[in-house]
N, C-alpha and C. Protein backbone atom coordinates (compact mmCIF):
# COMPACT_ATOMS: atom_id res chain seq x y z
N MET A 1 21.66 -12.58 52.57
CA MET A 1 21.73 -12.87 51.15
C MET A 1 20.71 -13.94 50.80
N ASP A 2 20.16 -13.83 49.60
CA ASP A 2 19.21 -14.81 49.10
C ASP A 2 19.87 -15.65 48.01
N GLU A 3 19.64 -16.95 48.06
CA GLU A 3 20.21 -17.85 47.05
C GLU A 3 19.42 -17.79 45.75
N ILE A 4 20.14 -17.82 44.63
CA ILE A 4 19.55 -17.86 43.30
C ILE A 4 19.81 -19.24 42.73
N LEU A 5 18.75 -19.85 42.20
CA LEU A 5 18.84 -21.18 41.60
C LEU A 5 18.57 -21.08 40.11
N ASN A 6 19.12 -22.02 39.33
CA ASN A 6 18.83 -22.08 37.89
C ASN A 6 17.68 -23.06 37.63
N ARG A 7 17.41 -23.33 36.38
CA ARG A 7 16.27 -24.20 36.04
C ARG A 7 16.44 -25.62 36.55
N GLU A 8 17.68 -26.04 36.78
CA GLU A 8 17.94 -27.37 37.35
C GLU A 8 17.92 -27.34 38.87
N GLN A 9 17.55 -26.19 39.44
CA GLN A 9 17.49 -25.95 40.88
C GLN A 9 18.87 -26.07 41.53
N GLN A 10 19.90 -25.68 40.78
CA GLN A 10 21.26 -25.65 41.30
C GLN A 10 21.56 -24.24 41.79
N PHE A 11 22.28 -24.13 42.88
CA PHE A 11 22.69 -22.85 43.45
C PHE A 11 23.72 -22.22 42.52
N VAL A 12 23.42 -21.04 41.95
CA VAL A 12 24.31 -20.41 40.98
C VAL A 12 24.79 -19.02 41.37
N ALA A 13 24.10 -18.37 42.32
CA ALA A 13 24.47 -17.00 42.67
C ALA A 13 23.73 -16.60 43.94
N ASN A 14 24.04 -15.40 44.41
CA ASN A 14 23.36 -14.81 45.56
C ASN A 14 22.84 -13.43 45.19
N LEU A 15 21.76 -13.04 45.84
CA LEU A 15 21.26 -11.68 45.73
C LEU A 15 21.49 -11.02 47.08
N ARG A 16 22.30 -9.96 47.07
CA ARG A 16 22.58 -9.19 48.28
C ARG A 16 22.07 -7.78 48.04
N GLY A 17 20.91 -7.49 48.60
CA GLY A 17 20.30 -6.20 48.33
C GLY A 17 19.95 -6.10 46.85
N LYS A 18 20.58 -5.19 46.16
CA LYS A 18 20.36 -5.00 44.72
C LYS A 18 21.48 -5.58 43.87
N GLU A 19 22.41 -6.29 44.51
CA GLU A 19 23.56 -6.85 43.80
C GLU A 19 23.41 -8.36 43.59
N VAL A 20 23.68 -8.81 42.36
CA VAL A 20 23.72 -10.23 42.04
C VAL A 20 25.19 -10.64 42.09
N LEU A 21 25.51 -11.56 43.01
CA LEU A 21 26.89 -11.99 43.21
C LEU A 21 27.09 -13.40 42.70
N ASP A 22 28.24 -13.65 42.06
CA ASP A 22 28.55 -15.01 41.66
C ASP A 22 29.00 -15.79 42.90
N LEU A 23 29.38 -17.03 42.72
CA LEU A 23 29.73 -17.88 43.86
C LEU A 23 31.00 -17.44 44.57
N GLU A 24 31.81 -16.61 43.91
CA GLU A 24 33.01 -16.05 44.54
C GLU A 24 32.74 -14.66 45.12
N GLU A 25 31.47 -14.26 45.11
CA GLU A 25 30.98 -12.98 45.65
C GLU A 25 31.42 -11.76 44.84
N ASN A 26 31.68 -11.96 43.54
CA ASN A 26 31.91 -10.83 42.63
C ASN A 26 30.57 -10.31 42.16
N VAL A 27 30.42 -9.00 42.06
CA VAL A 27 29.19 -8.41 41.55
C VAL A 27 29.10 -8.67 40.05
N ARG A 28 28.06 -9.39 39.63
CA ARG A 28 27.87 -9.72 38.21
C ARG A 28 26.75 -8.92 37.58
N ALA A 29 25.80 -8.44 38.41
CA ALA A 29 24.67 -7.68 37.89
C ALA A 29 24.07 -6.86 39.02
N LEU A 30 23.25 -5.90 38.63
CA LEU A 30 22.56 -5.03 39.58
C LEU A 30 21.08 -5.01 39.24
N ILE A 31 20.25 -4.88 40.27
CA ILE A 31 18.81 -4.75 40.07
C ILE A 31 18.47 -3.26 40.18
N ASP A 32 17.80 -2.73 39.17
CA ASP A 32 17.35 -1.34 39.17
C ASP A 32 15.88 -1.35 38.80
N GLY A 33 15.02 -1.20 39.79
CA GLY A 33 13.59 -1.35 39.55
C GLY A 33 13.32 -2.80 39.19
N LYS A 34 12.80 -3.04 37.99
CA LYS A 34 12.56 -4.40 37.51
C LYS A 34 13.61 -4.85 36.51
N GLN A 35 14.58 -4.00 36.24
CA GLN A 35 15.61 -4.34 35.27
C GLN A 35 16.80 -5.00 35.94
N VAL A 36 17.42 -5.94 35.23
CA VAL A 36 18.69 -6.54 35.63
C VAL A 36 19.74 -5.94 34.70
N LEU A 37 20.74 -5.31 35.30
CA LEU A 37 21.76 -4.60 34.53
C LEU A 37 23.14 -5.18 34.80
N THR A 38 24.02 -5.09 33.80
CA THR A 38 25.42 -5.39 34.04
C THR A 38 25.97 -4.26 34.92
N PRO A 39 27.12 -4.46 35.56
CA PRO A 39 27.72 -3.36 36.33
C PRO A 39 27.99 -2.11 35.47
N GLU A 40 28.12 -2.31 34.14
CA GLU A 40 28.33 -1.18 33.23
C GLU A 40 27.02 -0.51 32.82
N GLY A 41 25.87 -1.09 33.18
CA GLY A 41 24.58 -0.47 32.89
C GLY A 41 23.83 -1.05 31.72
N ASP A 42 24.33 -2.11 31.08
CA ASP A 42 23.60 -2.74 29.97
C ASP A 42 22.49 -3.62 30.53
N VAL A 43 21.34 -3.61 29.87
CA VAL A 43 20.19 -4.39 30.32
C VAL A 43 20.36 -5.86 29.93
N LEU A 44 20.26 -6.74 30.95
CA LEU A 44 20.32 -8.18 30.71
C LEU A 44 18.93 -8.78 30.60
N GLY A 45 17.99 -8.26 31.34
CA GLY A 45 16.64 -8.80 31.38
C GLY A 45 15.87 -8.13 32.50
N SER A 46 15.02 -8.90 33.18
CA SER A 46 14.18 -8.32 34.22
C SER A 46 14.15 -9.22 35.45
N PHE A 47 13.70 -8.63 36.56
CA PHE A 47 13.55 -9.35 37.82
C PHE A 47 12.25 -8.91 38.47
N ALA A 48 11.39 -9.88 38.76
CA ALA A 48 10.13 -9.59 39.44
C ALA A 48 9.62 -10.87 40.08
N SER A 49 8.97 -10.74 41.21
CA SER A 49 8.38 -11.87 41.93
C SER A 49 9.39 -12.99 42.17
N GLY A 50 10.64 -12.61 42.38
CA GLY A 50 11.67 -13.59 42.68
C GLY A 50 12.24 -14.32 41.48
N CYS A 51 11.84 -13.94 40.26
CA CYS A 51 12.31 -14.61 39.05
C CYS A 51 13.17 -13.67 38.19
N PHE A 52 14.29 -14.20 37.73
CA PHE A 52 15.14 -13.50 36.77
C PHE A 52 14.73 -13.97 35.38
N ARG A 53 14.53 -13.01 34.46
CA ARG A 53 13.99 -13.33 33.14
C ARG A 53 14.88 -12.75 32.05
N ASP A 54 14.97 -13.50 30.95
CA ASP A 54 15.74 -13.03 29.79
C ASP A 54 14.94 -11.94 29.08
N PRO A 55 15.48 -11.33 28.01
CA PRO A 55 14.77 -10.27 27.31
C PRO A 55 13.41 -10.70 26.73
N GLU A 56 13.19 -12.00 26.54
CA GLU A 56 11.90 -12.49 26.04
C GLU A 56 10.92 -12.78 27.17
N GLY A 57 11.35 -12.60 28.42
CA GLY A 57 10.47 -12.85 29.55
C GLY A 57 10.49 -14.27 30.08
N LYS A 58 11.41 -15.08 29.57
CA LYS A 58 11.52 -16.48 30.00
C LYS A 58 12.41 -16.56 31.24
N VAL A 59 12.09 -17.47 32.15
CA VAL A 59 12.82 -17.62 33.41
C VAL A 59 14.20 -18.23 33.18
N VAL A 60 15.24 -17.59 33.76
CA VAL A 60 16.59 -18.14 33.72
C VAL A 60 17.08 -18.51 35.12
N GLY A 61 16.48 -17.93 36.14
CA GLY A 61 16.85 -18.21 37.52
C GLY A 61 15.79 -17.66 38.45
N PHE A 62 15.85 -18.11 39.71
CA PHE A 62 14.84 -17.65 40.67
C PHE A 62 15.39 -17.74 42.08
N LEU A 63 14.80 -16.95 42.95
CA LEU A 63 15.17 -16.98 44.35
C LEU A 63 14.52 -18.18 45.02
N VAL A 64 15.23 -18.77 45.98
CA VAL A 64 14.66 -19.87 46.75
C VAL A 64 13.35 -19.36 47.36
N GLY A 65 12.28 -20.12 47.16
CA GLY A 65 10.98 -19.75 47.70
C GLY A 65 10.13 -18.87 46.80
N ALA A 66 10.62 -18.54 45.59
CA ALA A 66 9.83 -17.70 44.69
C ALA A 66 8.58 -18.46 44.24
N LEU A 67 7.43 -17.88 44.47
CA LEU A 67 6.16 -18.50 44.11
C LEU A 67 6.05 -18.67 42.60
N GLY A 68 5.80 -19.88 42.14
CA GLY A 68 5.59 -20.14 40.73
C GLY A 68 6.86 -20.29 39.91
N ALA A 69 8.02 -20.20 40.55
CA ALA A 69 9.27 -20.23 39.78
C ALA A 69 9.58 -21.61 39.24
N ILE A 70 9.19 -22.65 39.92
CA ILE A 70 9.52 -24.00 39.47
C ILE A 70 8.77 -24.35 38.20
N ALA A 71 7.53 -23.96 38.11
CA ALA A 71 6.72 -24.23 36.91
C ALA A 71 6.02 -22.94 36.50
N PRO A 72 6.76 -21.98 35.93
CA PRO A 72 6.15 -20.69 35.62
C PRO A 72 5.04 -20.80 34.59
N SER A 73 3.96 -20.15 34.87
CA SER A 73 2.84 -20.10 33.91
C SER A 73 2.16 -18.75 34.07
N PHE A 74 2.68 -17.78 33.34
CA PHE A 74 2.18 -16.42 33.43
C PHE A 74 1.58 -15.99 32.10
N THR A 75 0.75 -14.95 32.16
CA THR A 75 0.15 -14.40 30.95
C THR A 75 1.09 -13.37 30.34
N PRO A 76 1.41 -13.51 29.05
CA PRO A 76 2.32 -12.56 28.41
C PRO A 76 1.73 -11.16 28.34
N SER A 77 2.60 -10.17 28.27
CA SER A 77 2.21 -8.78 28.12
C SER A 77 3.17 -8.14 27.14
N THR A 78 2.73 -7.06 26.53
CA THR A 78 3.62 -6.34 25.62
C THR A 78 4.00 -4.98 26.21
N SER A 79 3.70 -4.73 27.48
CA SER A 79 4.05 -3.47 28.13
C SER A 79 5.54 -3.43 28.43
N PRO A 80 6.29 -2.52 27.79
CA PRO A 80 7.73 -2.49 28.02
C PRO A 80 8.08 -1.94 29.40
N VAL A 81 9.17 -2.42 29.96
CA VAL A 81 9.71 -1.87 31.19
C VAL A 81 10.30 -0.51 30.84
N PRO A 82 9.98 0.55 31.59
CA PRO A 82 10.51 1.88 31.26
C PRO A 82 12.03 1.87 31.14
N GLY A 83 12.53 2.39 30.04
CA GLY A 83 13.96 2.49 29.81
C GLY A 83 14.63 1.24 29.28
N ALA A 84 13.88 0.16 29.14
CA ALA A 84 14.48 -1.09 28.68
C ALA A 84 14.48 -1.15 27.17
N PHE A 85 15.36 -2.00 26.63
CA PHE A 85 15.36 -2.20 25.19
C PHE A 85 14.13 -3.02 24.80
N THR A 86 13.75 -2.99 23.55
CA THR A 86 12.58 -3.71 23.07
C THR A 86 12.71 -5.19 23.38
N GLY A 87 11.64 -5.78 23.91
CA GLY A 87 11.65 -7.21 24.18
C GLY A 87 11.55 -7.54 25.66
N VAL A 88 11.97 -6.64 26.56
CA VAL A 88 11.80 -6.90 27.98
C VAL A 88 10.40 -6.47 28.36
N THR A 89 9.66 -7.36 28.99
CA THR A 89 8.28 -7.07 29.33
C THR A 89 8.05 -7.10 30.82
N VAL A 90 7.04 -6.36 31.27
CA VAL A 90 6.69 -6.34 32.68
C VAL A 90 6.10 -7.68 33.10
N ALA A 91 5.13 -8.15 32.35
CA ALA A 91 4.53 -9.45 32.64
C ALA A 91 5.20 -10.48 31.74
N PRO A 92 5.79 -11.50 32.32
CA PRO A 92 6.59 -12.45 31.54
C PRO A 92 5.76 -13.45 30.74
N SER A 93 6.40 -13.99 29.73
CA SER A 93 5.80 -15.12 29.04
C SER A 93 6.04 -16.36 29.88
N SER A 94 5.35 -17.42 29.59
CA SER A 94 5.51 -18.62 30.40
C SER A 94 6.69 -19.44 29.92
N GLY A 95 7.28 -20.19 30.81
CA GLY A 95 8.30 -21.14 30.44
C GLY A 95 9.71 -20.74 30.82
N TRP A 96 10.61 -21.65 30.55
CA TRP A 96 12.02 -21.49 30.86
C TRP A 96 12.77 -20.97 29.65
N SER A 97 13.79 -20.20 29.89
CA SER A 97 14.66 -19.69 28.83
C SER A 97 15.57 -20.80 28.32
N ALA A 98 15.98 -20.67 27.08
CA ALA A 98 16.99 -21.57 26.52
C ALA A 98 18.38 -21.18 27.02
N LEU A 99 18.51 -19.96 27.57
CA LEU A 99 19.79 -19.49 28.09
C LEU A 99 20.12 -20.16 29.42
N THR A 100 21.37 -20.47 29.62
CA THR A 100 21.83 -20.90 30.94
C THR A 100 21.95 -19.65 31.81
N TRP A 101 22.06 -19.86 33.12
CA TRP A 101 22.27 -18.73 34.02
C TRP A 101 23.55 -17.99 33.62
N GLU A 102 24.63 -18.70 33.34
CA GLU A 102 25.89 -18.06 33.01
C GLU A 102 25.79 -17.25 31.71
N ASP A 103 25.09 -17.78 30.70
CA ASP A 103 24.87 -17.03 29.46
C ASP A 103 24.10 -15.74 29.74
N PHE A 104 23.05 -15.86 30.55
CA PHE A 104 22.22 -14.69 30.89
C PHE A 104 23.06 -13.63 31.60
N ILE A 105 23.76 -14.02 32.65
CA ILE A 105 24.48 -13.06 33.47
C ILE A 105 25.68 -12.46 32.72
N ALA A 106 26.18 -13.19 31.72
CA ALA A 106 27.28 -12.69 30.89
C ALA A 106 26.78 -11.84 29.71
N GLY A 107 25.46 -11.76 29.53
CA GLY A 107 24.90 -10.95 28.45
C GLY A 107 24.91 -11.61 27.10
N ARG A 108 25.07 -12.94 27.08
CA ARG A 108 25.04 -13.67 25.80
C ARG A 108 23.59 -13.99 25.47
N SER A 109 23.21 -13.80 24.21
CA SER A 109 21.82 -14.00 23.81
C SER A 109 21.52 -15.42 23.34
N SER A 110 22.52 -16.22 23.08
CA SER A 110 22.26 -17.62 22.68
C SER A 110 23.43 -18.50 22.95
């Protein structure tokens, strides 16, 4: 399992294969390609290069050791992830999300 950290670099979850587990090891999300989905199939955001991103492409969490996750600085793109709702992008915008990890994983937008 890989540890997931939030913007404060606190341990908030684990990634086991394609499953995102909370600290009690309950499945909270699934990775399908570059999309992060609820167990029911709703899109939460995206996952690429070890970073979990909100629908705007902002970082909400990252895997320990993810390159560039501590100070993300990427070039924005408008290319949608196939099958995703409007707003999820393949290439993320720079910066941290205003969402907490718990808000993101629970599907809350603000």
